Amino acid sequence: MNLRSIDLNLLVALDALLAERHVTKAADRVGLSQPAMSNALNRLRAMFEDELLVRTTSGMKPTPRATELAEPLRQV
């Protein structure tokens, strides 16, 4: 992964998504529209080559990779 090509705003979006586990709530948290947050999630999925969050009947559930990223992301 080329660190120079990473949009750091995506990390803010990922932190909100992991905290809220809901695209619309995460979007509200960081001041984005729901479509913009969905786009950010798609870009994050491509960047990390992982689904990161998957839909369930009770909301979005983080994948093991997303869970692994959560704490280091909070520290940043």
Protein backbone atom coordinates (compact mmCIF):
# COMPACT_ATOMS: atom_id res chain seq x y z
CA MET A 1 0.00 0.00 0.00
CA ASN A 2 1.41 3.37 -1.03
CA LEU A 3 0.92 5.62 2.00
CA ARG A 4 1.24 8.77 -0.10
CA SER A 5 -1.88 7.86 -2.03
CA ILE A 6 -4.08 7.42 1.05
CA ASP A 7 -6.78 10.02 1.60
CA LEU A 8 -6.55 10.62 5.36
CA ASN A 9 -10.20 11.70 5.39
CA LEU A 10 -11.05 8.07 4.70
CA LEU A 11 -9.53 7.13 8.05
CA VAL A 12 -11.85 9.62 9.76
CA ALA A 13 -14.76 8.04 7.91
CA LEU A 14 -13.63 4.54 8.93
CA ASP A 15 -13.39 5.58 12.57
CA ALA A 16 -16.95 6.94 12.44
CA LEU A 17 -18.24 3.84 10.66
CA LEU A 18 -16.67 1.55 13.24
CA ALA A 19 -18.04 3.62 16.11
CA GLU A 20 -21.57 4.03 14.73
CA ARG A 21 -21.90 0.81 12.72
CA HIS A 22 -24.45 2.61 10.57
CA VAL A 23 -23.65 4.53 7.39
CA THR A 24 -26.15 7.37 7.91
CA LYS A 25 -25.18 7.91 11.57
CA ALA A 26 -21.48 7.83 10.67
CA ALA A 27 -22.13 10.37 7.91
CA ASP A 28 -23.92 12.68 10.33
CA ARG A 29 -21.08 12.30 12.81
CA VAL A 30 -18.47 13.62 10.37
CA GLY A 31 -20.67 16.00 8.39
CA LEU A 32 -21.03 14.02 5.18
CA SER A 33 -24.08 12.99 3.21
CA GLN A 34 -25.11 9.34 3.29
CA PRO A 35 -24.06 8.80 -0.36
CA ALA A 36 -20.65 10.35 0.34
CA MET A 37 -20.14 8.03 3.32
CA SER A 38 -21.19 5.02 1.23
CA ASN A 39 -18.64 6.08 -1.37
CA ALA A 40 -15.99 6.41 1.35
CA LEU A 41 -16.82 2.90 2.59
CA ASN A 42 -16.45 1.53 -0.93
CA ARG A 43 -13.06 3.24 -1.28
CA LEU A 44 -11.98 1.89 2.11
CA ARG A 45 -13.04 -1.62 1.10
CA ALA A 46 -10.90 -1.35 -2.03
CA MET A 47 -7.96 0.14 -0.14
CA PHE A 48 -7.92 -2.55 2.56
CA GLU A 49 -9.12 -5.34 0.24
CA ASP A 50 -11.72 -6.28 2.85
CA GLU A 51 -15.45 -5.72 3.29
CA LEU A 52 -14.69 -4.02 6.67
CA LEU A 53 -18.39 -3.81 7.60
CA VAL A 54 -21.09 -6.24 6.52
CA ARG A 55 -24.85 -5.76 6.78
CA THR A 56 -26.75 -7.81 9.31
CA THR A 57 -30.31 -7.62 10.53
CA SER A 58 -29.09 -5.62 13.53
CA GLY A 59 -26.89 -3.17 11.62
CA MET A 60 -23.36 -3.34 10.31
CA LYS A 61 -20.92 -5.84 11.78
CA PRO A 62 -17.15 -5.29 11.51
CA THR A 63 -15.03 -7.96 9.87
CA PRO A 64 -12.01 -9.33 11.76
CA ARG A 65 -9.79 -6.97 9.73
CA ALA A 66 -11.91 -3.96 10.73
CA THR A 67 -11.78 -5.02 14.37
CA GLU A 68 -8.00 -5.28 14.07
CA LEU A 69 -7.83 -1.73 12.66
CA ALA A 70 -10.16 -0.12 15.20
CA GLU A 71 -7.77 0.48 18.11
CA PRO A 72 -4.77 1.74 16.10
CA LEU A 73 -7.18 3.99 14.20
CA ARG A 74 -8.54 5.50 17.43
CA GLN A 75 -4.98 6.20 18.57
CA VAL A 76 -4.19 8.08 15.36
